[in-house]
PDB file of N, CA and C in Angstrom:
ATOM      1  N   MET A   1      82.637  -4.725 -12.369  1.00  0.00           N
ATOM      2  CA  MET A   1      82.658  -3.836 -13.533  1.00  0.00           C
ATOM      3  C   MET A   1      81.264  -3.208 -13.713  1.00  0.00           C
ATOM      4  N   PRO A   2      81.201  -1.880 -13.846  1.00  0.00           N
ATOM      5  CA  PRO A   2      79.901  -1.210 -13.968  1.00  0.00           C
ATOM      6  C   PRO A   2      79.205  -1.548 -15.297  1.00  0.00           C
ATOM      7  N   VAL A   3      77.886  -1.590 -15.250  1.00  0.00           N
ATOM      8  CA  VAL A   3      77.082  -1.823 -16.452  1.00  0.00           C
ATOM      9  C   VAL A   3      76.926  -0.487 -17.176  1.00  0.00           C
ATOM     10  N   PRO A   4      77.176  -0.458 -18.494  1.00  0.00           N
ATOM     11  CA  PRO A   4      77.062   0.805 -19.235  1.00  0.00           C
ATOM     12  C   PRO A   4      75.630   1.341 -19.242  1.00  0.00           C
ATOM     13  N   ARG A   5      75.515   2.645 -19.296  1.00  0.00           N
ATOM     14  CA  ARG A   5      74.210   3.323 -19.358  1.00  0.00           C
ATOM     15  C   ARG A   5      74.015   3.833 -20.791  1.00  0.00           C
ATOM     16  N   TYR A   6      72.813   3.597 -21.303  1.00  0.00           N
ATOM     17  CA  TYR A   6      72.442   4.048 -22.642  1.00  0.00           C
ATOM     18  C   TYR A   6      71.230   4.961 -22.541  1.00  0.00           C
ATOM     19  N   PHE A   7      71.168   5.925 -23.436  1.00  0.00           N
ATOM     20  CA  PHE A   7      70.113   6.927 -23.436  1.00  0.00           C
ATOM     21  C   PHE A   7      69.258   6.753 -24.685  1.00  0.00           C
ATOM     22  N   PHE A   8      67.937   6.671 -24.495  1.00  0.00           N
ATOM     23  CA  PHE A   8      66.995   6.361 -25.545  1.00  0.00           C
ATOM     24  C   PHE A   8      66.186   7.613 -25.883  1.00  0.00           C
ATOM     25  N   ASP A   9      66.695   8.407 -26.820  1.00  0.00           N
ATOM     26  CA  ASP A   9      66.023   9.628 -27.246  1.00  0.00           C
ATOM     27  C   ASP A   9      64.901   9.258 -28.216  1.00  0.00           C
ATOM     28  N   PHE A  10      63.804  10.006 -28.169  1.00  0.00           N
ATOM     29  CA  PHE A  10      62.631   9.712 -28.996  1.00  0.00           C
ATOM     30  C   PHE A  10      62.377  10.867 -29.947  1.00  0.00           C
ATOM     31  N   ARG A  11      62.106  10.538 -31.207  1.00  0.00           N
ATOM     32  CA  ARG A  11      61.707  11.549 -32.199  1.00  0.00           C
ATOM     33  C   ARG A  11      60.322  11.220 -32.726  1.00  0.00           C
ATOM     34  N   ASP A  12      59.491  12.249 -32.793  1.00  0.00           N
ATOM     35  CA  ASP A  12      58.146  12.150 -33.350  1.00  0.00           C
ATOM     36  C   ASP A  12      58.055  13.196 -34.446  1.00  0.00           C
ATOM     37  N   ASN A  13      58.066  12.735 -35.701  1.00  0.00           N
ATOM     38  CA  ASN A  13      58.056  13.650 -36.853  1.00  0.00           C
ATOM     39  C   ASN A  13      59.131  14.739 -36.718  1.00  0.00           C
ATOM     40  N   GLY A  14      60.290  14.343 -36.267  1.00  0.00           N
ATOM     41  CA  GLY A  14      61.414  15.265 -36.163  1.00  0.00           C
ATOM     42  C   GLY A  14      61.549  15.966 -34.819  1.00  0.00           C
ATOM     43  N   ARG A  15      60.506  15.971 -34.017  1.00  0.00           N
ATOM     44  CA  ARG A  15      60.547  16.622 -32.694  1.00  0.00           C
ATOM     45  C   ARG A  15      61.240  15.692 -31.700  1.00  0.00           C
ATOM     46  N   LEU A  16      62.316  16.150 -31.118  1.00  0.00           N
ATOM     47  CA  LEU A  16      63.158  15.337 -30.241  1.00  0.00           C
ATOM     48  C   LEU A  16      62.769  15.477 -28.779  1.00  0.00           C
ATOM     49  N   THR A  17      62.674  14.333 -28.105  1.00  0.00           N
ATOM     50  CA  THR A  17      62.536  14.282 -26.657  1.00  0.00           C
ATOM     51  C   THR A  17      63.738  13.510 -26.143  1.00  0.00           C
ATOM     52  N   SER A  18      64.629  14.193 -25.436  1.00  0.00           N
ATOM     53  CA  SER A  18      65.865  13.570 -24.964  1.00  0.00           C
ATOM     54  C   SER A  18      65.633  12.774 -23.690  1.00  0.00           C
ATOM     55  N   ASP A  19      66.351  11.682 -23.587  1.00  0.00           N
ATOM     56  CA  ASP A  19      66.346  10.843 -22.390  1.00  0.00           C
ATOM     57  C   ASP A  19      67.488  11.334 -21.500  1.00  0.00           C
ATOM     58  N   ASP A  20      67.151  11.877 -20.344  1.00  0.00           N
ATOM     59  CA  ASP A  20      68.170  12.393 -19.433  1.00  0.00           C
ATOM     60  C   ASP A  20      68.561  11.391 -18.357  1.00  0.00           C
ATOM     61  N   GLU A  21      67.797  10.296 -18.216  1.00  0.00           N
ATOM     62  CA  GLU A  21      68.073   9.308 -17.171  1.00  0.00           C
ATOM     63  C   GLU A  21      68.875   8.123 -17.677  1.00  0.00           C
ATOM     64  N   GLY A  22      68.508   7.590 -18.831  1.00  0.00           N
ATOM     65  CA  GLY A  22      69.188   6.429 -19.381  1.00  0.00           C
ATOM     66  C   GLY A  22      68.788   5.134 -18.707  1.00  0.00           C
ATOM     67  N   VAL A  23      69.273   4.035 -19.277  1.00  0.00           N
ATOM     68  CA  VAL A  23      68.990   2.695 -18.794  1.00  0.00           C
ATOM     69  C   VAL A  23      70.297   1.907 -18.815  1.00  0.00           C
ATOM     70  N   GLU A  24      70.549   1.160 -17.767  1.00  0.00           N
ATOM     71  CA  GLU A  24      71.726   0.293 -17.753  1.00  0.00           C
ATOM     72  C   GLU A  24      71.435  -0.939 -18.598  1.00  0.00           C
ATOM     73  N   CYS A  25      72.311  -1.222 -19.548  1.00  0.00           N
ATOM     74  CA  CYS A  25      72.171  -2.377 -20.441  1.00  0.00           C
ATOM     75  C   CYS A  25      73.506  -3.101 -20.500  1.00  0.00           C
ATOM     76  N   ASP A  26      73.437  -4.423 -20.445  1.00  0.00           N
ATOM     77  CA  ASP A  26      74.676  -5.199 -20.415  1.00  0.00           C
ATOM     78  C   ASP A  26      75.154  -5.635 -21.794  1.00  0.00           C
ATOM     79  N   GLY A  27      74.802  -4.900 -22.832  1.00  0.00           N
ATOM     80  CA  GLY A  27      75.300  -5.195 -24.172  1.00  0.00           C
ATOM     81  C   GLY A  27      74.341  -4.702 -25.240  1.00  0.00           C
ATOM     82  N   MET A  28      74.801  -4.751 -26.493  1.00  0.00           N
ATOM     83  CA  MET A  28      74.005  -4.234 -27.595  1.00  0.00           C
ATOM     84  C   MET A  28      72.748  -5.054 -27.852  1.00  0.00           C
ATOM     85  N   ALA A  29      72.749  -6.334 -27.528  1.00  0.00           N
ATOM     86  CA  ALA A  29      71.526  -7.129 -27.700  1.00  0.00           C
ATOM     87  C   ALA A  29      70.426  -6.588 -26.792  1.00  0.00           C
ATOM     88  N   MET A  30      70.772  -6.234 -25.594  1.00  0.00           N
ATOM     89  CA  MET A  30      69.790  -5.668 -24.659  1.00  0.00           C
ATOM     90  C   MET A  30      69.358  -4.274 -25.113  1.00  0.00           C
ATOM     91  N   VAL A  31      70.284  -3.480 -25.628  1.00  0.00           N
ATOM     92  CA  VAL A  31      69.948  -2.155 -26.164  1.00  0.00           C
ATOM     93  C   VAL A  31      68.949  -2.308 -27.304  1.00  0.00           C
ATOM     94  N   HIS A  32      69.202  -3.254 -28.204  1.00  0.00           N
ATOM     95  CA  HIS A  32      68.319  -3.517 -29.338  1.00  0.00           C
ATOM     96  C   HIS A  32      66.916  -3.892 -28.855  1.00  0.00           C
ATOM     97  N   ARG A  33      66.827  -4.808 -27.905  1.00  0.00           N
ATOM     98  CA  ARG A  33      65.528  -5.232 -27.371  1.00  0.00           C
ATOM     99  C   ARG A  33      64.797  -4.073 -26.708  1.00  0.00           C
ATOM    100  N   GLU A  34      65.514  -3.280 -25.933  1.00  0.00           N
ATOM    101  CA  GLU A  34      64.894  -2.159 -25.217  1.00  0.00           C
ATOM    102  C   GLU A  34      64.390  -1.097 -26.195  1.00  0.00           C
ATOM    103  N   ALA A  35      65.170  -0.780 -27.224  1.00  0.00           N
ATOM    104  CA  ALA A  35      64.750   0.217 -28.220  1.00  0.00           C
ATOM    105  C   ALA A  35      63.526  -0.273 -28.994  1.00  0.00           C
ATOM    106  N   THR A  36      63.531  -1.543 -29.376  1.00  0.00           N
ATOM    107  CA  THR A  36      62.417  -2.119 -30.118  1.00  0.00           C
ATOM    108  C   THR A  36      61.150  -2.127 -29.265  1.00  0.00           C
ATOM    109  N   ARG A  37      61.274  -2.542 -28.028  1.00  0.00           N
ATOM    110  CA  ARG A  37      60.131  -2.581 -27.114  1.00  0.00           C
ATOM    111  C   ARG A  37      59.562  -1.182 -26.884  1.00  0.00           C
ATOM    112  N   ALA A  38      60.442  -0.218 -26.639  1.00  0.00           N
ATOM    113  CA  ALA A  38      60.003   1.155 -26.376  1.00  0.00           C
ATOM    114  C   ALA A  38      59.290   1.744 -27.594  1.00  0.00           C
ATOM    115  N   LEU A  39      59.840   1.537 -28.784  1.00  0.00           N
ATOM    116  CA  LEU A  39      59.220   2.075 -29.992  1.00  0.00           C
ATOM    117  C   LEU A  39      57.854   1.438 -30.235  1.00  0.00           C
ATOM    118  N   ALA A  40      57.734   0.137 -30.025  1.00  0.00           N
ATOM    119  CA  ALA A  40      56.447  -0.547 -30.205  1.00  0.00           C
ATOM    120  C   ALA A  40      55.410  -0.030 -29.208  1.00  0.00           C
ATOM    121  N   GLU A  41      55.809   0.181 -27.962  1.00  0.00           N
ATOM    122  CA  GLU A  41      54.883   0.697 -26.943  1.00  0.00           C
ATOM    123  C   GLU A  41      54.406   2.100 -27.288  1.00  0.00           C
ATOM    124  N   ILE A  42      55.318   2.947 -27.709  1.00  0.00           N
ATOM    125  CA  ILE A  42      54.962   4.319 -28.081  1.00  0.00           C
ATOM    126  C   ILE A  42      54.013   4.300 -29.275  1.00  0.00           C
ATOM    127  N   ALA A  43      54.349   3.501 -30.286  1.00  0.00           N
ATOM    128  CA  ALA A  43      53.524   3.424 -31.492  1.00  0.00           C
ATOM    129  C   ALA A  43      52.123   2.914 -31.159  1.00  0.00           C
ATOM    130  N   LYS A  44      52.025   1.915 -30.290  1.00  0.00           N
ATOM    131  CA  LYS A  44      50.731   1.348 -29.914  1.00  0.00           C
ATOM    132  C   LYS A  44      49.820   2.423 -29.321  1.00  0.00           C
ATOM    133  N   ASP A  45      50.378   3.327 -28.550  1.00  0.00           N
ATOM    134  CA  ASP A  45      49.581   4.378 -27.913  1.00  0.00           C
ATOM    135  C   ASP A  45      49.287   5.556 -28.843  1.00  0.00           C
ATOM    136  N   MET A  46      50.219   5.892 -29.735  1.00  0.00           N
ATOM    137  CA  MET A  46      50.094   7.103 -30.552  1.00  0.00           C
ATOM    138  C   MET A  46      49.375   6.904 -31.877  1.00  0.00           C
ATOM    139  N   LEU A  47      49.720   5.856 -32.596  1.00  0.00           N
ATOM    140  CA  LEU A  47      49.296   5.748 -33.987  1.00  0.00           C
ATOM    141  C   LEU A  47      47.795   5.620 -34.212  1.00  0.00           C
ATOM    142  N   PRO A  48      47.043   4.915 -33.379  1.00  0.00           N
ATOM    143  CA  PRO A  48      45.606   4.833 -33.671  1.00  0.00           C
ATOM    144  C   PRO A  48      44.892   6.189 -33.644  1.00  0.00           C
ATOM    145  N   ARG A  49      45.474   7.173 -32.981  1.00  0.00           N
ATOM    146  CA  ARG A  49      44.833   8.480 -32.843  1.00  0.00           C
ATOM    147  C   ARG A  49      45.488   9.550 -33.720  1.00  0.00           C
ATOM    148  N   SER A  50      46.275   9.152 -34.685  1.00  0.00           N
ATOM    149  CA  SER A  50      47.027  10.162 -35.424  1.00  0.00           C
ATOM    150  C   SER A  50      47.074   9.849 -36.912  1.00  0.00           C
ATOM    151  N   GLY A  51      47.568  10.811 -37.653  1.00  0.00           N
ATOM    152  CA  GLY A  51      47.787  10.621 -39.079  1.00  0.00           C
ATOM    153  C   GLY A  51      49.180  10.079 -39.316  1.00  0.00           C
ATOM    154  N   ALA A  52      49.757  10.465 -40.446  1.00  0.00           N
ATOM    155  CA  ALA A  52      51.092   9.992 -40.817  1.00  0.00           C
ATOM    156  C   ALA A  52      52.108  10.371 -39.745  1.00  0.00           C
ATOM    157  N   HIS A  53      52.985   9.418 -39.458  1.00  0.00           N
ATOM    158  CA  HIS A  53      54.014   9.648 -38.443  1.00  0.00           C
ATOM    159  C   HIS A  53      55.305   8.967 -38.835  1.00  0.00           C
ATOM    160  N   TRP A  54      56.387   9.577 -38.408  1.00  0.00           N
ATOM    161  CA  TRP A  54      57.718   8.996 -38.486  1.00  0.00           C
ATOM    162  C   TRP A  54      58.245   9.038 -37.064  1.00  0.00           C
ATOM    163  N   LEU A  55      58.403   7.860 -36.470  1.00  0.00           N
ATOM    164  CA  LEU A  55      58.854   7.749 -35.087  1.00  0.00           C
ATOM    165  C   LEU A  55      60.208   7.077 -35.051  1.00  0.00           C
ATOM    166  N   SER A  56      61.039   7.473 -34.115  1.00  0.00           N
ATOM    167  CA  SER A  56      62.310   6.775 -33.957  1.00  0.00           C
ATOM    168  C   SER A  56      62.786   6.836 -32.513  1.00  0.00           C
ATOM    169  N   ILE A  57      63.552   5.827 -32.164  1.00  0.00           N
ATOM    170  CA  ILE A  57      64.314   5.800 -30.922  1.00  0.00           C
ATOM    171  C   ILE A  57      65.774   5.848 -31.348  1.00  0.00           C
ATOM    172  N   GLU A  58      66.496   6.823 -30.854  1.00  0.00           N
ATOM    173  CA  GLU A  58      67.917   6.975 -31.172  1.00  0.00           C
ATOM    174  C   GLU A  58      68.702   6.783 -29.885  1.00  0.00           C
ATOM    175  N   VAL A  59      69.542   5.772 -29.885  1.00  0.00           N
ATOM    176  CA  VAL A  59      70.257   5.392 -28.665  1.00  0.00           C
ATOM    177  C   VAL A  59      71.679   5.923 -28.722  1.00  0.00           C
ATOM    178  N   ARG A  60      72.116   6.467 -27.593  1.00  0.00           N
ATOM    179  CA  ARG A  60      73.503   6.931 -27.459  1.00  0.00           C
ATOM    180  C   ARG A  60      74.073   6.358 -26.171  1.00  0.00           C
ATOM    181  N   ASP A  61      75.379   6.197 -26.169  1.00  0.00           N
ATOM    182  CA  ASP A  61      76.023   5.646 -24.974  1.00  0.00           C
ATOM    183  C   ASP A  61      76.365   6.761 -23.997  1.00  0.00           C
ATOM    184  N   ASP A  62      76.995   6.400 -22.893  1.00  0.00           N
ATOM    185  CA  ASP A  62      77.285   7.398 -21.859  1.00  0.00           C
ATOM    186  C   ASP A  62      78.391   8.378 -22.244  1.00  0.00           C
ATOM    187  N   ALA A  63      79.040   8.140 -23.390  1.00  0.00           N
ATOM    188  CA  ALA A  63      79.998   9.101 -23.936  1.00  0.00           C
ATOM    189  C   ALA A  63      79.339   9.957 -25.024  1.00  0.00           C
ATOM    190  N   ASP A  64      78.002   9.861 -25.126  1.00  0.00           N
ATOM    191  CA  ASP A  64      77.191  10.619 -26.077  1.00  0.00           C
ATOM    192  C   ASP A  64      77.423  10.207 -27.526  1.00  0.00           C
ATOM    193  N   ARG A  65      77.909   8.979 -27.753  1.00  0.00           N
ATOM    194  CA  ARG A  65      78.112   8.467 -29.114  1.00  0.00           C
ATOM    195  C   ARG A  65      76.858   7.718 -29.564  1.00  0.00           C
ATOM    196  N   PRO A  66      76.350   8.020 -30.784  1.00  0.00           N
ATOM    197  CA  PRO A  66      75.198   7.277 -31.284  1.00  0.00           C
ATOM    198  C   PRO A  66      75.580   5.811 -31.517  1.00  0.00           C
ATOM    199  N   CYS A  67      74.668   4.895 -31.158  1.00  0.00           N
ATOM    200  CA  CYS A  67      75.007   3.477 -31.337  1.00  0.00           C
ATOM    201  C   CYS A  67      73.869   2.657 -31.937  1.00  0.00           C
ATOM    202  N   LEU A  68      72.639   3.171 -31.987  1.00  0.00           N
ATOM    203  CA  LEU A  68      71.549   2.407 -32.580  1.00  0.00           C
ATOM    204  C   LEU A  68      70.386   3.347 -32.867  1.00  0.00           C
ATOM    205  N   ARG A  69      69.671   3.069 -33.964  1.00  0.00           N
ATOM    206  CA  ARG A  69      68.463   3.826 -34.292  1.00  0.00           C
ATOM    207  C   ARG A  69      67.400   2.837 -34.747  1.00  0.00           C
ATOM    208  N   ALA A  70      66.218   2.932 -34.154  1.00  0.00           N
ATOM    209  CA  ALA A  70      65.063   2.148 -34.575  1.00  0.00           C
ATOM    210  C   ALA A  70      64.037   3.124 -35.128  1.00  0.00           C
ATOM    211  N   VAL A  71      63.529   2.861 -36.337  1.00  0.00           N
ATOM    212  CA  VAL A  71      62.646   3.803 -37.022  1.00  0.00           C
ATOM    213  C   VAL A  71      61.351   3.101 -37.424  1.00  0.00           C
ATOM    214  N   LEU A  72      60.241   3.819 -37.264  1.00  0.00           N
ATOM    215  CA  LEU A  72      58.938   3.329 -37.695  1.00  0.00           C
ATOM    216  C   LEU A  72      58.256   4.437 -38.480  1.00  0.00           C
ATOM    217  N   SER A  73      57.861   4.117 -39.704  1.00  0.00           N
ATOM    218  CA  SER A  73      57.124   5.058 -40.537  1.00  0.00           C
ATOM    219  C   SER A  73      55.695   4.540 -40.669  1.00  0.00           C
ATOM    220  N   PHE A  74      54.705   5.413 -40.453  1.00  0.00           N
ATOM    221  CA  PHE A  74      53.310   5.015 -40.484  1.00  0.00           C
ATOM    222  C   PHE A  74      52.528   5.988 -41.358  1.00  0.00           C
ATOM    223  N   ASN A  75      51.787   5.435 -42.305  1.00  0.00           N
ATOM    224  CA  ASN A  75      50.973   6.265 -43.177  1.00  0.00           C
ATOM    225  C   ASN A  75      49.807   5.426 -43.680  1.00  0.00           C
ATOM    226  N   VAL A  76      48.625   5.989 -43.672  1.00  0.00           N
ATOM    227  CA  VAL A  76      47.435   5.316 -44.207  1.00  0.00           C
ATOM    228  C   VAL A  76      46.925   6.158 -45.350  1.00  0.00           C
ATOM    229  N   THR A  77      46.675   5.502 -46.486  1.00  0.00           N
ATOM    230  CA  THR A  77      46.175   6.189 -47.670  1.00  0.00           C
ATOM    231  C   THR A  77      44.859   5.537 -48.101  1.00  0.00           C
ATOM    232  N   GLN A  78      43.816   6.331 -48.183  1.00  0.00           N
ATOM    233  CA  GLN A  78      42.540   5.801 -48.648  1.00  0.00           C
ATOM    234  C   GLN A  78      42.594   5.644 -50.148  1.00  0.00           C
ATOM    235  N   LEU A  79      42.183   4.502 -50.653  1.00  0.00           N
ATOM    236  CA  LEU A  79      42.234   4.217 -52.088  1.00  0.00           C
ATOM    237  C   LEU A  79      40.858   4.283 -52.706  1.00  0.00           C
TER     238      LEU A  79
END
């Protein structure tokens, strides 16, 4: 039985970068881990050099149905 392919699209303050390759995942637990890991890696590289950001990974299956969204909001306010 083939392993399903999921696509991990990335949004940075609303700007979408689509995933055209996808990743084979053997279930939603793996999709969850992959989305969380990817968002943390992106945030680690981007946020120290930027201002306020809203980042997300939006996952869709191979039938183009949305199945998971991981969101990170970052803002620093000087008091």
